[in-house]
Full PDB file with SEQRES, HELIX, SHEET, SSBOND, CRYST1, ORIGX, SCALE, CONECT and MASTER records, all heavy atoms in Angstrom:
SEQRES   1 A   31  THR ALA LEU ILE ALA GLU GLY VAL GLU ILE LEU GLN ALA          
SEQRES   2 A   31  ALA LEU ALA ARG ASP ARG LEU GLY GLU TYR GLN ALA GLN          
SEQRES   3 A   31  ALA ALA ILE ALA ALA                                          
HELIX    1 AA1 ALA A    2  LEU A   15  1                                  14    
HELIX    2 AA2 GLU A   22  ALA A   30  1                                   9    
CRYST1    1.000    1.000    1.000  90.00  90.00  90.00 P 1           1          
ORIGX1      1.000000  0.000000  0.000000        0.00000                         
ORIGX2      0.000000  1.000000  0.000000        0.00000                         
ORIGX3      0.000000  0.000000  1.000000        0.00000                         
SCALE1      1.000000  0.000000  0.000000        0.00000                         
SCALE2      0.000000  1.000000  0.000000        0.00000                         
SCALE3      0.000000  0.000000  1.000000        0.00000                         
ATOM      1  N   THR A   1     -12.563   8.860   2.847  1.00  0.00           N  
ATOM      2  CA  THR A   1     -11.812   8.994   1.654  1.00  0.00           C  
ATOM      3  C   THR A   1     -10.386   9.527   1.913  1.00  0.00           C  
ATOM      4  O   THR A   1      -9.436   9.220   1.151  1.00  0.00           O  
ATOM      5  CB  THR A   1     -12.484   9.798   0.571  1.00  0.00           C  
ATOM      6  OG1 THR A   1     -12.819  11.118   1.118  1.00  0.00           O  
ATOM      7  CG2 THR A   1     -13.765   9.141   0.121  1.00  0.00           C  
ATOM      8  N   ALA A   2     -10.262  10.294   2.923  1.00  0.00           N  
ATOM      9  CA  ALA A   2      -8.939  10.923   3.256  1.00  0.00           C  
ATOM     10  C   ALA A   2      -7.967   9.775   3.760  1.00  0.00           C  
ATOM     11  O   ALA A   2      -6.824   9.723   3.376  1.00  0.00           O  
ATOM     12  CB  ALA A   2      -9.054  11.991   4.297  1.00  0.00           C  
ATOM     13  N   LEU A   3      -8.546   8.910   4.577  1.00  0.00           N  
ATOM     14  CA  LEU A   3      -7.696   7.765   5.097  1.00  0.00           C  
ATOM     15  C   LEU A   3      -7.338   6.817   3.940  1.00  0.00           C  
ATOM     16  O   LEU A   3      -6.231   6.304   3.876  1.00  0.00           O  
ATOM     17  CB  LEU A   3      -8.439   6.994   6.165  1.00  0.00           C  
ATOM     18  CG  LEU A   3      -8.457   7.556   7.583  1.00  0.00           C  
ATOM     19  CD1 LEU A   3      -9.157   6.649   8.533  1.00  0.00           C  
ATOM     20  CD2 LEU A   3      -7.032   7.835   8.035  1.00  0.00           C  
ATOM     21  N   ILE A   4      -8.347   6.627   3.024  1.00  0.00           N  
ATOM     22  CA  ILE A   4      -8.061   5.809   1.845  1.00  0.00           C  
ATOM     23  C   ILE A   4      -7.001   6.360   0.982  1.00  0.00           C  
ATOM     24  O   ILE A   4      -5.979   5.644   0.583  1.00  0.00           O  
ATOM     25  CB  ILE A   4      -9.331   5.583   1.072  1.00  0.00           C  
ATOM     26  CG1 ILE A   4     -10.357   4.718   1.818  1.00  0.00           C  
ATOM     27  CG2 ILE A   4      -9.065   4.928  -0.297  1.00  0.00           C  
ATOM     28  CD1 ILE A   4     -11.708   4.645   1.110  1.00  0.00           C  
ATOM     29  N   ALA A   5      -7.049   7.679   0.727  1.00  0.00           N  
ATOM     30  CA  ALA A   5      -6.029   8.304  -0.104  1.00  0.00           C  
ATOM     31  C   ALA A   5      -4.670   8.216   0.551  1.00  0.00           C  
ATOM     32  O   ALA A   5      -3.680   7.959  -0.133  1.00  0.00           O  
ATOM     33  CB  ALA A   5      -6.430   9.750  -0.384  1.00  0.00           C  
ATOM     34  N   GLU A   6      -4.587   8.411   1.865  1.00  0.00           N  
ATOM     35  CA  GLU A   6      -3.357   8.353   2.569  1.00  0.00           C  
ATOM     36  C   GLU A   6      -2.749   6.919   2.538  1.00  0.00           C  
ATOM     37  O   GLU A   6      -1.591   6.728   2.277  1.00  0.00           O  
ATOM     38  CB  GLU A   6      -3.486   8.801   4.029  1.00  0.00           C  
ATOM     39  CG  GLU A   6      -2.190   8.789   4.789  1.00  0.00           C  
ATOM     40  CD  GLU A   6      -2.367   9.086   6.243  1.00  0.00           C  
ATOM     41  OE1 GLU A   6      -3.508   9.250   6.710  1.00  0.00           O  
ATOM     42  OE2 GLU A   6      -1.329   9.208   6.936  1.00  0.00           O  
ATOM     43  N   GLY A   7      -3.652   5.947   2.763  1.00  0.00           N  
ATOM     44  CA  GLY A   7      -3.214   4.571   2.745  1.00  0.00           C  
ATOM     45  C   GLY A   7      -2.691   4.168   1.354  1.00  0.00           C  
ATOM     46  O   GLY A   7      -1.656   3.463   1.226  1.00  0.00           O  
ATOM     47  N   VAL A   8      -3.362   4.572   0.302  1.00  0.00           N  
ATOM     48  CA  VAL A   8      -2.935   4.213  -1.031  1.00  0.00           C  
ATOM     49  C   VAL A   8      -1.621   4.861  -1.372  1.00  0.00           C  
ATOM     50  O   VAL A   8      -0.742   4.178  -1.985  1.00  0.00           O  
ATOM     51  CB  VAL A   8      -4.030   4.614  -2.091  1.00  0.00           C  
ATOM     52  CG1 VAL A   8      -3.495   4.509  -3.511  1.00  0.00           C  
ATOM     53  CG2 VAL A   8      -5.280   3.755  -1.919  1.00  0.00           C  
ATOM     54  N   GLU A   9      -1.423   6.125  -1.022  1.00  0.00           N  
ATOM     55  CA  GLU A   9      -0.158   6.816  -1.304  1.00  0.00           C  
ATOM     56  C   GLU A   9       1.019   6.158  -0.596  1.00  0.00           C  
ATOM     57  O   GLU A   9       2.113   5.924  -1.186  1.00  0.00           O  
ATOM     58  CB  GLU A   9      -0.275   8.284  -0.799  1.00  0.00           C  
ATOM     59  CG  GLU A   9       0.984   9.092  -1.088  1.00  0.00           C  
ATOM     60  CD  GLU A   9       0.851  10.560  -0.602  1.00  0.00           C  
ATOM     61  OE1 GLU A   9      -0.209  10.954  -0.031  1.00  0.00           O  
ATOM     62  OE2 GLU A   9       1.850  11.280  -0.787  1.00  0.00           O  
ATOM     63  N   ILE A  10       0.802   5.746   0.712  1.00  0.00           N  
ATOM     64  CA  ILE A  10       1.865   5.088   1.458  1.00  0.00           C  
ATOM     65  C   ILE A  10       2.143   3.777   0.834  1.00  0.00           C  
ATOM     66  O   ILE A  10       3.309   3.321   0.703  1.00  0.00           O  
ATOM     67  CB  ILE A  10       1.456   4.908   2.972  1.00  0.00           C  
ATOM     68  CG1 ILE A  10       1.390   6.280   3.650  1.00  0.00           C  
ATOM     69  CG2 ILE A  10       2.384   4.008   3.722  1.00  0.00           C  
ATOM     70  CD1 ILE A  10       0.771   6.256   5.001  1.00  0.00           C  
ATOM     71  N   LEU A  11       1.123   3.036   0.422  1.00  0.00           N  
ATOM     72  CA  LEU A  11       1.302   1.668  -0.132  1.00  0.00           C  
ATOM     73  C   LEU A  11       2.060   1.762  -1.486  1.00  0.00           C  
ATOM     74  O   LEU A  11       2.963   0.985  -1.767  1.00  0.00           O  
ATOM     75  CB  LEU A  11      -0.064   0.977  -0.409  1.00  0.00           C  
ATOM     76  CG  LEU A  11      -0.002  -0.245  -1.183  1.00  0.00           C  
ATOM     77  CD1 LEU A  11       0.715  -1.358  -0.401  1.00  0.00           C  
ATOM     78  CD2 LEU A  11      -1.476  -0.749  -1.496  1.00  0.00           C  
ATOM     79  N   GLN A  12       1.669   2.725  -2.299  1.00  0.00           N  
ATOM     80  CA  GLN A  12       2.325   2.842  -3.650  1.00  0.00           C  
ATOM     81  C   GLN A  12       3.824   3.126  -3.467  1.00  0.00           C  
ATOM     82  O   GLN A  12       4.623   2.561  -4.203  1.00  0.00           O  
ATOM     83  CB  GLN A  12       1.673   3.926  -4.481  1.00  0.00           C  
ATOM     84  CG  GLN A  12       0.289   3.542  -4.961  1.00  0.00           C  
ATOM     85  CD  GLN A  12      -0.447   4.754  -5.654  1.00  0.00           C  
ATOM     86  OE1 GLN A  12      -0.116   5.886  -5.430  1.00  0.00           O  
ATOM     87  NE2 GLN A  12      -1.384   4.398  -6.494  1.00  0.00           N  
ATOM     88  N   ALA A  13       4.205   3.942  -2.528  1.00  0.00           N  
ATOM     89  CA  ALA A  13       5.618   4.248  -2.289  1.00  0.00           C  
ATOM     90  C   ALA A  13       6.356   3.019  -1.780  1.00  0.00           C  
ATOM     91  O   ALA A  13       7.494   2.761  -2.197  1.00  0.00           O  
ATOM     92  CB  ALA A  13       5.768   5.383  -1.311  1.00  0.00           C  
ATOM     93  N   ALA A  14       5.686   2.189  -0.937  1.00  0.00           N  
ATOM     94  CA  ALA A  14       6.305   0.934  -0.469  1.00  0.00           C  
ATOM     95  C   ALA A  14       6.502  -0.072  -1.594  1.00  0.00           C  
ATOM     96  O   ALA A  14       7.552  -0.641  -1.715  1.00  0.00           O  
ATOM     97  CB  ALA A  14       5.444   0.351   0.669  1.00  0.00           C  
ATOM     98  N   LEU A  15       5.462  -0.253  -2.456  1.00  0.00           N  
ATOM     99  CA  LEU A  15       5.556  -1.236  -3.505  1.00  0.00           C  
ATOM    100  C   LEU A  15       6.556  -0.814  -4.509  1.00  0.00           C  
ATOM    101  O   LEU A  15       7.246  -1.677  -5.137  1.00  0.00           O  
ATOM    102  CB  LEU A  15       4.216  -1.311  -4.208  1.00  0.00           C  
ATOM    103  CG  LEU A  15       3.086  -1.974  -3.423  1.00  0.00           C  
ATOM    104  CD1 LEU A  15       1.760  -1.882  -4.152  1.00  0.00           C  
ATOM    105  CD2 LEU A  15       3.358  -3.413  -3.072  1.00  0.00           C  
ATOM    106  N   ALA A  16       6.862   0.499  -4.684  1.00  0.00           N  
ATOM    107  CA  ALA A  16       7.845   0.945  -5.627  1.00  0.00           C  
ATOM    108  C   ALA A  16       9.258   0.504  -5.248  1.00  0.00           C  
ATOM    109  O   ALA A  16      10.160   0.516  -6.125  1.00  0.00           O  
ATOM    110  CB  ALA A  16       7.804   2.466  -5.745  1.00  0.00           C  
ATOM    111  N   ARG A  17       9.448   0.123  -3.996  1.00  0.00           N  
ATOM    112  CA  ARG A  17      10.791  -0.273  -3.519  1.00  0.00           C  
ATOM    113  C   ARG A  17      11.048  -1.775  -3.830  1.00  0.00           C  
ATOM    114  O   ARG A  17      12.108  -2.262  -3.599  1.00  0.00           O  
ATOM    115  CB  ARG A  17      10.956  -0.005  -2.036  1.00  0.00           C  
ATOM    116  CG  ARG A  17      10.728   1.413  -1.700  1.00  0.00           C  
ATOM    117  CD  ARG A  17      10.998   1.789  -0.301  1.00  0.00           C  
ATOM    118  NE  ARG A  17      12.390   1.460  -0.003  1.00  0.00           N  
ATOM    119  CZ  ARG A  17      12.838   1.482   1.301  1.00  0.00           C  
ATOM    120  NH1 ARG A  17      12.039   1.680   2.314  1.00  0.00           N  
ATOM    121  NH2 ARG A  17      14.075   1.229   1.527  1.00  0.00           N  
ATOM    122  N   ASP A  18      10.001  -2.485  -4.373  1.00  0.00           N  
ATOM    123  CA  ASP A  18      10.202  -3.783  -4.880  1.00  0.00           C  
ATOM    124  C   ASP A  18      10.728  -4.775  -3.787  1.00  0.00           C  
ATOM    125  O   ASP A  18      11.592  -5.611  -4.085  1.00  0.00           O  
ATOM    126  CB  ASP A  18      11.110  -3.834  -6.119  1.00  0.00           C  
ATOM    127  CG  ASP A  18      10.887  -5.083  -6.933  1.00  0.00           C  
ATOM    128  OD1 ASP A  18       9.870  -5.763  -6.775  1.00  0.00           O  
ATOM    129  OD2 ASP A  18      11.877  -5.445  -7.727  1.00  0.00           O  
ATOM    130  N   ARG A  19      10.184  -4.701  -2.611  1.00  0.00           N  
ATOM    131  CA  ARG A  19      10.559  -5.701  -1.491  1.00  0.00           C  
ATOM    132  C   ARG A  19       9.248  -6.099  -0.861  1.00  0.00           C  
ATOM    133  O   ARG A  19       8.851  -5.712   0.231  1.00  0.00           O  
ATOM    134  CB  ARG A  19      11.465  -5.023  -0.521  1.00  0.00           C  
ATOM    135  CG  ARG A  19      12.904  -4.807  -0.966  1.00  0.00           C  
ATOM    136  CD  ARG A  19      13.640  -3.931  -0.002  1.00  0.00           C  
ATOM    137  NE  ARG A  19      13.632  -4.434   1.359  1.00  0.00           N  
ATOM    138  CZ  ARG A  19      14.027  -3.676   2.415  1.00  0.00           C  
ATOM    139  NH1 ARG A  19      14.386  -2.459   2.274  1.00  0.00           N  
ATOM    140  NH2 ARG A  19      13.938  -4.279   3.624  1.00  0.00           N  
ATOM    141  N   LEU A  20       8.477  -6.792  -1.655  1.00  0.00           N  
ATOM    142  CA  LEU A  20       7.135  -7.182  -1.316  1.00  0.00           C  
ATOM    143  C   LEU A  20       7.111  -8.103   0.002  1.00  0.00           C  
ATOM    144  O   LEU A  20       7.900  -8.991   0.169  1.00  0.00           O  
ATOM    145  CB  LEU A  20       6.423  -7.954  -2.447  1.00  0.00           C  
ATOM    146  CG  LEU A  20       4.927  -8.338  -2.207  1.00  0.00           C  
ATOM    147  CD1 LEU A  20       4.110  -7.027  -2.094  1.00  0.00           C  
ATOM    148  CD2 LEU A  20       4.367  -9.148  -3.366  1.00  0.00           C  
ATOM    149  N   GLY A  21       6.175  -7.787   0.858  1.00  0.00           N  
ATOM    150  CA  GLY A  21       5.940  -8.616   2.075  1.00  0.00           C  
ATOM    151  C   GLY A  21       4.415  -8.743   2.289  1.00  0.00           C  
ATOM    152  O   GLY A  21       3.606  -8.222   1.509  1.00  0.00           O  
ATOM    153  N   GLU A  22       4.033  -9.517   3.304  1.00  0.00           N  
ATOM    154  CA  GLU A  22       2.685  -9.846   3.425  1.00  0.00           C  
ATOM    155  C   GLU A  22       1.774  -8.719   3.748  1.00  0.00           C  
ATOM    156  O   GLU A  22       0.607  -8.647   3.268  1.00  0.00           O  
ATOM    157  CB  GLU A  22       2.482 -11.018   4.498  1.00  0.00           C  
ATOM    158  CG  GLU A  22       2.843 -10.515   5.947  1.00  0.00           C  
ATOM    159  CD  GLU A  22       2.487 -11.634   6.948  1.00  0.00           C  
ATOM    160  OE1 GLU A  22       1.333 -11.896   7.115  1.00  0.00           O  
ATOM    161  OE2 GLU A  22       3.476 -12.189   7.567  1.00  0.00           O  
ATOM    162  N   TYR A  23       2.251  -7.722   4.473  1.00  0.00           N  
ATOM    163  CA  TYR A  23       1.355  -6.575   4.838  1.00  0.00           C  
ATOM    164  C   TYR A  23       1.148  -5.687   3.629  1.00  0.00           C  
ATOM    165  O   TYR A  23       0.020  -5.186   3.398  1.00  0.00           O  
ATOM    166  CB  TYR A  23       2.005  -5.785   5.952  1.00  0.00           C  
ATOM    167  CG  TYR A  23       2.169  -6.555   7.240  1.00  0.00           C  
ATOM    168  CD1 TYR A  23       3.423  -6.755   7.807  1.00  0.00           C  
ATOM    169  CD2 TYR A  23       1.047  -7.171   7.810  1.00  0.00           C  
ATOM    170  CE1 TYR A  23       3.517  -7.499   8.940  1.00  0.00           C  
ATOM    171  CE2 TYR A  23       1.194  -7.948   8.969  1.00  0.00           C  
ATOM    172  CZ  TYR A  23       2.439  -8.111   9.552  1.00  0.00           C  
ATOM    173  OH  TYR A  23       2.623  -8.869  10.685  1.00  0.00           O  
ATOM    174  N   GLN A  24       2.174  -5.571   2.730  1.00  0.00           N  
ATOM    175  CA  GLN A  24       1.934  -4.774   1.501  1.00  0.00           C  
ATOM    176  C   GLN A  24       0.941  -5.541   0.603  1.00  0.00           C  
ATOM    177  O   GLN A  24       0.065  -4.840  -0.021  1.00  0.00           O  
ATOM    178  CB  GLN A  24       3.269  -4.700   0.774  1.00  0.00           C  
ATOM    179  CG  GLN A  24       4.304  -3.807   1.488  1.00  0.00           C  
ATOM    180  CD  GLN A  24       5.731  -3.936   0.839  1.00  0.00           C  
ATOM    181  OE1 GLN A  24       5.917  -3.403  -0.213  1.00  0.00           O  
ATOM    182  NE2 GLN A  24       6.594  -4.665   1.500  1.00  0.00           N  
ATOM    183  N   ALA A  25       1.064  -6.861   0.500  1.00  0.00           N  
ATOM    184  CA  ALA A  25       0.119  -7.578  -0.293  1.00  0.00           C  
ATOM    185  C   ALA A  25      -1.321  -7.495   0.198  1.00  0.00           C  
ATOM    186  O   ALA A  25      -2.252  -7.288  -0.541  1.00  0.00           O  
ATOM    187  CB  ALA A  25       0.556  -9.085  -0.382  1.00  0.00           C  
ATOM    188  N   GLN A  26      -1.487  -7.555   1.543  1.00  0.00           N  
ATOM    189  CA  GLN A  26      -2.792  -7.489   2.132  1.00  0.00           C  
ATOM    190  C   GLN A  26      -3.357  -6.057   1.859  1.00  0.00           C  
ATOM    191  O   GLN A  26      -4.517  -5.845   1.628  1.00  0.00           O  
ATOM    192  CB  GLN A  26      -2.757  -7.741   3.630  1.00  0.00           C  
ATOM    193  CG  GLN A  26      -2.565  -9.199   4.003  1.00  0.00           C  
ATOM    194  CD  GLN A  26      -2.726  -9.389   5.465  1.00  0.00           C  
ATOM    195  OE1 GLN A  26      -3.734  -9.088   6.048  1.00  0.00           O  
ATOM    196  NE2 GLN A  26      -1.724  -9.936   6.103  1.00  0.00           N  
ATOM    197  N   ALA A  27      -2.479  -5.042   1.999  1.00  0.00           N  
ATOM    198  CA  ALA A  27      -2.871  -3.690   1.770  1.00  0.00           C  
ATOM    199  C   ALA A  27      -3.282  -3.451   0.296  1.00  0.00           C  
ATOM    200  O   ALA A  27      -4.230  -2.696   0.072  1.00  0.00           O  
ATOM    201  CB  ALA A  27      -1.772  -2.710   2.141  1.00  0.00           C  
ATOM    202  N   ALA A  28      -2.626  -4.086  -0.600  1.00  0.00           N  
ATOM    203  CA  ALA A  28      -3.010  -4.002  -2.032  1.00  0.00           C  
ATOM    204  C   ALA A  28      -4.380  -4.501  -2.263  1.00  0.00           C  
ATOM    205  O   ALA A  28      -5.196  -3.999  -3.029  1.00  0.00           O  
ATOM    206  CB  ALA A  28      -2.006  -4.711  -2.881  1.00  0.00           C  
ATOM    207  N   ILE A  29      -4.740  -5.635  -1.569  1.00  0.00           N  
ATOM    208  CA  ILE A  29      -6.093  -6.167  -1.702  1.00  0.00           C  
ATOM    209  C   ILE A  29      -7.098  -5.236  -1.124  1.00  0.00           C  
ATOM    210  O   ILE A  29      -8.164  -4.953  -1.711  1.00  0.00           O  
ATOM    211  CB  ILE A  29      -6.164  -7.553  -1.004  1.00  0.00           C  
ATOM    212  CG1 ILE A  29      -5.294  -8.575  -1.744  1.00  0.00           C  
ATOM    213  CG2 ILE A  29      -7.594  -8.080  -0.893  1.00  0.00           C  
ATOM    214  CD1 ILE A  29      -5.066  -9.860  -0.943  1.00  0.00           C  
ATOM    215  N   ALA A  30      -6.791  -4.655   0.058  1.00  0.00           N  
ATOM    216  CA  ALA A  30      -7.688  -3.683   0.700  1.00  0.00           C  
ATOM    217  C   ALA A  30      -7.900  -2.479  -0.174  1.00  0.00           C  
ATOM    218  O   ALA A  30      -8.977  -1.904  -0.260  1.00  0.00           O  
ATOM    219  CB  ALA A  30      -7.162  -3.276   2.062  1.00  0.00           C  
ATOM    220  N   ALA A  31      -6.812  -2.010  -0.854  1.00  0.00           N  
ATOM    221  CA  ALA A  31      -6.879  -0.876  -1.720  1.00  0.00           C  
ATOM    222  C   ALA A  31      -7.781  -1.082  -2.937  1.00  0.00           C  
ATOM    223  O   ALA A  31      -8.565  -0.212  -3.338  1.00  0.00           O  
ATOM    224  CB  ALA A  31      -5.497  -0.466  -2.219  1.00  0.00           C  
TER     225      ALA A  31                                                      
MASTER        0    0    0    2    0    0    0    6  224    1    0    3          
END                                                                             
């Protein structure tokens, strides 16, 4: 759960910059 929380936090900050790429989209699915 610690890795999941870290991954979600990093992803949310990246998505907030509104420059979507394939790794962000894949991470959103994994989240």
